[in-house]
Amino acid sequence: MVRLSEAEWKVMMLLWQKAPMTMMQITGYFKETTGWSKHTVMTFLRRMEEKKAIHHEEGEKAKLYYPDLGREEAVLQETEEFLEKVFDGRMGLMLNTMVEKKALSQEEITQMYEILRKAEEESQRKEG
């Protein structure tokens, strides 16, 4: 399991959208919004490589960074960790809390119905 810091998540989101990127391209992207320096970005990239979340290849002039961790895999890991930490691993408790607090839009409710319908079909297919 790869654990990413909030800053590393920002880098991953960028790489998922625009890979490959150089360290200077990444720094340029975040400089205005975060104030990260080249050295800060270098530290994040080194740490993320150690975690096996990303890798680099030698480009003509600079290293090119690519994500190794898939977006869906990362989101699933983060979701499972969150549920375990906050709701003792019980998704039903989380959904019930969101319903009680009226925290779900009609679009989100529709998406959940679709997800649950697909899960039910998959479950029936496995059983049958």
N, C-alpha and C. Protein backbone atom coordinates (compact mmCIF):
# COMPACT_ATOMS: atom_id res chain seq x y z
N MET A 1 0.85 -1.19 0.00
CA MET A 1 0.00 0.00 0.00
C MET A 1 0.89 1.24 0.00
N VAL A 2 0.57 2.18 -0.88
CA VAL A 2 1.33 3.42 -1.00
C VAL A 2 0.56 4.51 -0.28
N ARG A 3 1.20 5.12 0.70
CA ARG A 3 0.58 6.24 1.41
C ARG A 3 1.14 7.54 0.87
N LEU A 4 0.26 8.42 0.42
CA LEU A 4 0.66 9.69 -0.15
C LEU A 4 0.26 10.84 0.77
N SER A 5 1.15 11.81 0.90
CA SER A 5 0.81 13.01 1.64
C SER A 5 -0.11 13.87 0.78
N GLU A 6 -0.68 14.90 1.37
CA GLU A 6 -1.55 15.79 0.60
C GLU A 6 -0.80 16.42 -0.57
N ALA A 7 0.44 16.84 -0.34
CA ALA A 7 1.25 17.43 -1.41
C ALA A 7 1.54 16.40 -2.50
N GLU A 8 1.85 15.18 -2.11
CA GLU A 8 2.12 14.13 -3.09
C GLU A 8 0.87 13.83 -3.92
N TRP A 9 -0.30 13.91 -3.32
CA TRP A 9 -1.54 13.73 -4.06
C TRP A 9 -1.65 14.77 -5.17
N LYS A 10 -1.27 16.02 -4.86
CA LYS A 10 -1.32 17.08 -5.87
C LYS A 10 -0.41 16.74 -7.05
N VAL A 11 0.78 16.25 -6.75
CA VAL A 11 1.71 15.88 -7.81
C VAL A 11 1.14 14.71 -8.62
N MET A 12 0.60 13.71 -7.94
CA MET A 12 0.02 12.57 -8.64
C MET A 12 -1.12 13.00 -9.56
N MET A 13 -1.99 13.87 -9.06
CA MET A 13 -3.12 14.33 -9.89
C MET A 13 -2.60 14.99 -11.17
N LEU A 14 -1.55 15.78 -11.04
CA LEU A 14 -0.96 16.43 -12.21
C LEU A 14 -0.37 15.40 -13.16
N LEU A 15 0.38 14.44 -12.63
CA LEU A 15 1.00 13.42 -13.50
C LEU A 15 -0.04 12.53 -14.15
N TRP A 16 -1.11 12.22 -13.45
CA TRP A 16 -2.17 11.43 -14.08
C TRP A 16 -2.76 12.16 -15.28
N GLN A 17 -2.79 13.48 -15.22
CA GLN A 17 -3.36 14.27 -16.30
C GLN A 17 -2.36 14.56 -17.42
N LYS A 18 -1.08 14.81 -17.07
CA LYS A 18 -0.16 15.38 -18.05
C LYS A 18 1.17 14.66 -18.20
N ALA A 19 1.31 13.45 -17.70
CA ALA A 19 2.59 12.74 -17.80
C ALA A 19 2.94 12.48 -19.24
N PRO A 20 4.23 12.46 -19.58
CA PRO A 20 5.36 12.71 -18.69
C PRO A 20 5.62 14.21 -18.52
N MET A 21 6.23 14.55 -17.40
CA MET A 21 6.59 15.93 -17.12
C MET A 21 7.98 15.97 -16.50
N THR A 22 8.68 17.07 -16.74
CA THR A 22 9.98 17.26 -16.11
C THR A 22 9.77 17.90 -14.74
N MET A 23 10.82 17.85 -13.93
CA MET A 23 10.76 18.47 -12.61
C MET A 23 10.49 19.97 -12.74
N MET A 24 11.08 20.61 -13.72
CA MET A 24 10.87 22.05 -13.91
C MET A 24 9.44 22.36 -14.37
N GLN A 25 8.86 21.50 -15.17
CA GLN A 25 7.46 21.69 -15.58
C GLN A 25 6.54 21.55 -14.37
N ILE A 26 6.82 20.57 -13.53
CA ILE A 26 6.01 20.37 -12.32
C ILE A 26 6.17 21.57 -11.41
N THR A 27 7.40 22.02 -11.21
CA THR A 27 7.65 23.18 -10.36
C THR A 27 6.92 24.40 -10.90
N GLY A 28 7.02 24.64 -12.20
CA GLY A 28 6.33 25.77 -12.82
C GLY A 28 4.83 25.73 -12.62
N TYR A 29 4.27 24.54 -12.70
CA TYR A 29 2.83 24.37 -12.53
C TYR A 29 2.40 24.77 -11.12
N PHE A 30 3.19 24.37 -10.10
CA PHE A 30 2.79 24.60 -8.71
C PHE A 30 3.32 25.89 -8.11
N LYS A 31 4.26 26.55 -8.76
CA LYS A 31 4.91 27.72 -8.17
C LYS A 31 3.90 28.79 -7.76
N GLU A 32 2.97 29.13 -8.62
CA GLU A 32 2.00 30.20 -8.32
C GLU A 32 1.01 29.81 -7.23
N THR A 33 0.51 28.58 -7.28
CA THR A 33 -0.56 28.19 -6.34
C THR A 33 -0.04 27.73 -4.98
N THR A 34 1.17 27.15 -4.95
CA THR A 34 1.66 26.60 -3.69
C THR A 34 2.92 27.29 -3.19
N GLY A 35 3.65 27.94 -4.08
CA GLY A 35 4.91 28.54 -3.70
C GLY A 35 6.05 27.55 -3.57
N TRP A 36 5.85 26.32 -4.07
CA TRP A 36 6.89 25.30 -3.97
C TRP A 36 8.10 25.68 -4.79
N SER A 37 9.26 25.51 -4.21
CA SER A 37 10.51 25.76 -4.93
C SER A 37 10.93 24.49 -5.67
N LYS A 38 11.96 24.63 -6.48
CA LYS A 38 12.51 23.49 -7.21
C LYS A 38 12.97 22.41 -6.22
N HIS A 39 13.57 22.82 -5.11
CA HIS A 39 14.07 21.86 -4.13
C HIS A 39 12.92 21.12 -3.43
N THR A 40 11.83 21.81 -3.19
CA THR A 40 10.66 21.17 -2.58
C THR A 40 10.10 20.10 -3.51
N VAL A 41 9.96 20.45 -4.78
CA VAL A 41 9.44 19.50 -5.77
C VAL A 41 10.40 18.32 -5.91
N MET A 42 11.71 18.58 -5.92
CA MET A 42 12.69 17.50 -6.00
C MET A 42 12.52 16.53 -4.84
N THR A 43 12.29 17.07 -3.65
CA THR A 43 12.09 16.23 -2.46
C THR A 43 10.85 15.36 -2.62
N PHE A 44 9.74 15.97 -3.07
CA PHE A 44 8.51 15.19 -3.28
C PHE A 44 8.73 14.08 -4.29
N LEU A 45 9.38 14.41 -5.42
CA LEU A 45 9.59 13.42 -6.46
C LEU A 45 10.47 12.27 -5.98
N ARG A 46 11.53 12.59 -5.23
CA ARG A 46 12.41 11.55 -4.70
C ARG A 46 11.64 10.64 -3.75
N ARG A 47 10.86 11.25 -2.85
CA ARG A 47 10.08 10.46 -1.90
C ARG A 47 9.05 9.58 -2.61
N MET A 48 8.41 10.14 -3.62
CA MET A 48 7.39 9.39 -4.36
C MET A 48 8.01 8.24 -5.16
N GLU A 49 9.24 8.43 -5.65
CA GLU A 49 9.94 7.33 -6.31
C GLU A 49 10.28 6.23 -5.31
N GLU A 50 10.71 6.62 -4.11
CA GLU A 50 11.02 5.63 -3.06
C GLU A 50 9.77 4.82 -2.69
N LYS A 51 8.62 5.45 -2.74
CA LYS A 51 7.35 4.77 -2.43
C LYS A 51 6.83 3.96 -3.61
N LYS A 52 7.50 4.07 -4.76
CA LYS A 52 7.10 3.37 -5.98
C LYS A 52 5.77 3.91 -6.54
N ALA A 53 5.49 5.18 -6.27
CA ALA A 53 4.29 5.81 -6.83
C ALA A 53 4.57 6.37 -8.22
N ILE A 54 5.84 6.74 -8.46
CA ILE A 54 6.24 7.29 -9.75
C ILE A 54 7.61 6.73 -10.13
N HIS A 55 8.01 6.98 -11.38
CA HIS A 55 9.36 6.66 -11.81
C HIS A 55 9.78 7.71 -12.84
N HIS A 56 11.06 7.74 -13.11
CA HIS A 56 11.53 8.67 -14.14
C HIS A 56 12.33 7.91 -15.19
N GLU A 57 12.37 8.52 -16.35
CA GLU A 57 13.21 8.05 -17.45
C GLU A 57 14.06 9.23 -17.88
N GLU A 58 15.25 8.94 -18.34
CA GLU A 58 16.12 10.02 -18.80
C GLU A 58 15.61 10.55 -20.13
N GLY A 59 15.31 11.85 -20.19
CA GLY A 59 14.90 12.49 -21.42
C GLY A 59 16.13 13.09 -22.09
N GLU A 60 15.92 13.83 -23.16
CA GLU A 60 17.05 14.44 -23.87
C GLU A 60 17.77 15.44 -23.00
N LYS A 61 17.02 16.27 -22.26
CA LYS A 61 17.63 17.31 -21.44
C LYS A 61 17.32 17.15 -19.96
N ALA A 62 16.27 16.44 -19.62
CA ALA A 62 15.86 16.33 -18.22
C ALA A 62 15.13 15.02 -17.99
N LYS A 63 15.05 14.63 -16.73
CA LYS A 63 14.30 13.43 -16.37
C LYS A 63 12.82 13.65 -16.65
N LEU A 64 12.16 12.62 -17.14
CA LEU A 64 10.72 12.65 -17.38
C LEU A 64 10.04 11.77 -16.34
N TYR A 65 9.07 12.33 -15.63
CA TYR A 65 8.39 11.61 -14.56
C TYR A 65 7.05 11.07 -15.02
N TYR A 66 6.78 9.82 -14.62
CA TYR A 66 5.57 9.10 -14.97
C TYR A 66 4.94 8.51 -13.69
N PRO A 67 3.62 8.43 -13.64
CA PRO A 67 2.98 7.76 -12.50
C PRO A 67 3.09 6.24 -12.65
N ASP A 68 3.35 5.55 -11.56
CA ASP A 68 3.32 4.08 -11.53
C ASP A 68 2.04 3.60 -10.84
N LEU A 69 1.58 4.39 -9.91
CA LEU A 69 0.38 4.08 -9.16
C LEU A 69 -0.81 4.54 -9.98
N GLY A 70 -1.73 3.62 -10.24
CA GLY A 70 -2.93 3.97 -11.00
C GLY A 70 -3.87 4.81 -10.16
N ARG A 71 -4.60 5.68 -10.82
CA ARG A 71 -5.51 6.58 -10.11
C ARG A 71 -6.58 5.80 -9.33
N GLU A 72 -7.20 4.82 -9.98
CA GLU A 72 -8.25 4.05 -9.31
C GLU A 72 -7.70 3.31 -8.09
N GLU A 73 -6.51 2.73 -8.24
CA GLU A 73 -5.88 2.01 -7.13
C GLU A 73 -5.60 2.96 -5.96
N ALA A 74 -5.09 4.14 -6.26
CA ALA A 74 -4.78 5.12 -5.21
C ALA A 74 -6.05 5.58 -4.50
N VAL A 75 -7.10 5.85 -5.27
CA VAL A 75 -8.36 6.30 -4.68
C VAL A 75 -8.95 5.20 -3.80
N LEU A 76 -8.90 3.96 -4.27
CA LEU A 76 -9.42 2.84 -3.48
C LEU A 76 -8.66 2.70 -2.16
N GLN A 77 -7.33 2.77 -2.22
CA GLN A 77 -6.53 2.67 -1.00
C GLN A 77 -6.87 3.79 -0.02
N GLU A 78 -6.97 5.01 -0.54
CA GLU A 78 -7.27 6.16 0.30
C GLU A 78 -8.66 6.03 0.92
N THR A 79 -9.63 5.57 0.13
CA THR A 79 -11.00 5.40 0.61
C THR A 79 -11.06 4.35 1.71
N GLU A 80 -10.39 3.21 1.49
CA GLU A 80 -10.39 2.16 2.50
C GLU A 80 -9.75 2.64 3.79
N GLU A 81 -8.65 3.38 3.68
CA GLU A 81 -7.98 3.91 4.87
C GLU A 81 -8.87 4.90 5.61
N PHE A 82 -9.55 5.77 4.85
CA PHE A 82 -10.46 6.75 5.45
C PHE A 82 -11.61 6.05 6.17
N LEU A 83 -12.24 5.08 5.50
CA LEU A 83 -13.36 4.37 6.12
C LEU A 83 -12.93 3.67 7.40
N GLU A 84 -11.77 3.05 7.36
CA GLU A 84 -11.27 2.34 8.54
C GLU A 84 -11.01 3.32 9.69
N LYS A 85 -10.41 4.44 9.36
CA LYS A 85 -10.04 5.42 10.39
C LYS A 85 -11.27 6.11 10.98
N VAL A 86 -12.18 6.57 10.14
CA VAL A 86 -13.28 7.42 10.59
C VAL A 86 -14.54 6.64 10.92
N PHE A 87 -14.83 5.59 10.17
CA PHE A 87 -16.10 4.87 10.34
C PHE A 87 -15.91 3.41 10.72
N ASP A 88 -14.74 3.10 11.28
CA ASP A 88 -14.45 1.73 11.70
C ASP A 88 -14.68 0.73 10.57
N GLY A 89 -14.41 1.19 9.35
CA GLY A 89 -14.50 0.31 8.18
C GLY A 89 -15.90 0.07 7.67
N ARG A 90 -16.90 0.73 8.23
CA ARG A 90 -18.29 0.46 7.84
C ARG A 90 -18.82 1.53 6.89
N MET A 91 -18.95 1.15 5.62
CA MET A 91 -19.44 2.08 4.62
C MET A 91 -20.89 2.48 4.89
N GLY A 92 -21.69 1.56 5.39
CA GLY A 92 -23.09 1.86 5.69
C GLY A 92 -23.22 3.00 6.68
N LEU A 93 -22.35 3.02 7.68
CA LEU A 93 -22.36 4.09 8.67
C LEU A 93 -22.05 5.43 8.01
N MET A 94 -21.08 5.43 7.11
CA MET A 94 -20.72 6.66 6.40
C MET A 94 -21.89 7.16 5.56
N LEU A 95 -22.51 6.26 4.78
CA LEU A 95 -23.62 6.66 3.93
C LEU A 95 -24.81 7.15 4.75
N ASN A 96 -25.10 6.47 5.84
CA ASN A 96 -26.20 6.89 6.70
C ASN A 96 -25.94 8.28 7.27
N THR A 97 -24.71 8.54 7.67
CA THR A 97 -24.34 9.87 8.18
C THR A 97 -24.53 10.92 7.11
N MET A 98 -24.12 10.63 5.89
CA MET A 98 -24.26 11.59 4.80
C MET A 98 -25.74 11.85 4.48
N VAL A 99 -26.57 10.82 4.53
CA VAL A 99 -28.00 10.98 4.28
C VAL A 99 -28.62 11.84 5.38
N GLU A 100 -28.29 11.53 6.64
CA GLU A 100 -28.85 12.30 7.76
C GLU A 100 -28.46 13.77 7.70
N LYS A 101 -27.26 14.06 7.24
CA LYS A 101 -26.77 15.44 7.15
C LYS A 101 -27.15 16.10 5.83
N LYS A 102 -27.91 15.37 4.99
CA LYS A 102 -28.33 15.87 3.67
C LYS A 102 -27.12 16.35 2.87
N ALA A 103 -26.07 15.54 2.90
CA ALA A 103 -24.80 15.90 2.25
C ALA A 103 -24.68 15.37 0.83
N LEU A 104 -25.73 14.73 0.32
CA LEU A 104 -25.68 14.15 -1.02
C LEU A 104 -26.61 14.89 -1.97
N SER A 105 -26.07 15.25 -3.13
CA SER A 105 -26.90 15.87 -4.16
C SER A 105 -27.69 14.78 -4.89
N GLN A 106 -28.70 15.19 -5.65
CA GLN A 106 -29.48 14.22 -6.43
C GLN A 106 -28.58 13.49 -7.42
N GLU A 107 -27.62 14.21 -8.00
CA GLU A 107 -26.70 13.59 -8.96
C GLU A 107 -25.85 12.51 -8.26
N GLU A 108 -25.39 12.79 -7.06
CA GLU A 108 -24.59 11.80 -6.32
C GLU A 108 -25.43 10.59 -5.94
N ILE A 109 -26.68 10.82 -5.57
CA ILE A 109 -27.58 9.70 -5.23
C ILE A 109 -27.80 8.84 -6.47
N THR A 110 -28.01 9.46 -7.62
CA THR A 110 -28.20 8.73 -8.88
C THR A 110 -26.95 7.92 -9.21
N GLN A 111 -25.77 8.52 -9.01
CA GLN A 111 -24.51 7.80 -9.27
C GLN A 111 -24.40 6.59 -8.34
N MET A 112 -24.78 6.75 -7.08
CA MET A 112 -24.71 5.62 -6.14
C MET A 112 -25.65 4.50 -6.55
N TYR A 113 -26.87 4.85 -6.97
CA TYR A 113 -27.79 3.82 -7.45
C TYR A 113 -27.16 3.03 -8.60
N GLU A 114 -26.52 3.74 -9.53
CA GLU A 114 -25.90 3.09 -10.68
C GLU A 114 -24.75 2.18 -10.24
N ILE A 115 -23.95 2.65 -9.31
CA ILE A 115 -22.83 1.85 -8.80
C ILE A 115 -23.35 0.60 -8.09
N LEU A 116 -24.38 0.77 -7.26
CA LEU A 116 -24.95 -0.37 -6.54
C LEU A 116 -25.61 -1.36 -7.50
N ARG A 117 -26.26 -0.85 -8.55
CA ARG A 117 -26.88 -1.74 -9.54
C ARG A 117 -25.82 -2.60 -10.22
N LYS A 118 -24.70 -1.97 -10.59
CA LYS A 118 -23.60 -2.71 -11.22
C LYS A 118 -23.03 -3.74 -10.25
N ALA A 119 -22.87 -3.35 -8.99
CA ALA A 119 -22.34 -4.28 -7.98
C ALA A 119 -23.28 -5.47 -7.80
N GLU A 120 -24.58 -5.21 -7.81
CA GLU A 120 -25.56 -6.28 -7.66
C GLU A 120 -25.50 -7.23 -8.85
N GLU A 121 -25.40 -6.67 -10.06
CA GLU A 121 -25.29 -7.52 -11.26
C GLU A 121 -24.04 -8.38 -11.21
N GLU A 122 -22.92 -7.80 -10.80
CA GLU A 122 -21.67 -8.53 -10.70
C GLU A 122 -21.77 -9.64 -9.66
N SER A 123 -22.39 -9.35 -8.55
CA SER A 123 -22.56 -10.34 -7.49
C SER A 123 -23.45 -11.50 -7.96
N GLN A 124 -24.53 -11.18 -8.68
CA GLN A 124 -25.41 -12.22 -9.19
C GLN A 124 -24.72 -13.06 -10.24
N ARG A 125 -23.88 -12.42 -11.06
CA ARG A 125 -23.15 -13.14 -12.10
C ARG A 125 -22.18 -14.15 -11.45
N LYS A 126 -21.52 -13.74 -10.36
CA LYS A 126 -20.59 -14.63 -9.67
C LYS A 126 -21.29 -15.82 -9.03
N GLU A 127 -22.50 -15.55 -8.48
CA GLU A 127 -23.27 -16.60 -7.80
C GLU A 127 -23.91 -17.54 -8.79
N GLY A 128 -24.29 -17.01 -9.95
CA GLY A 128 -25.04 -17.81 -10.92
C GLY A 128 -24.18 -18.45 -11.89
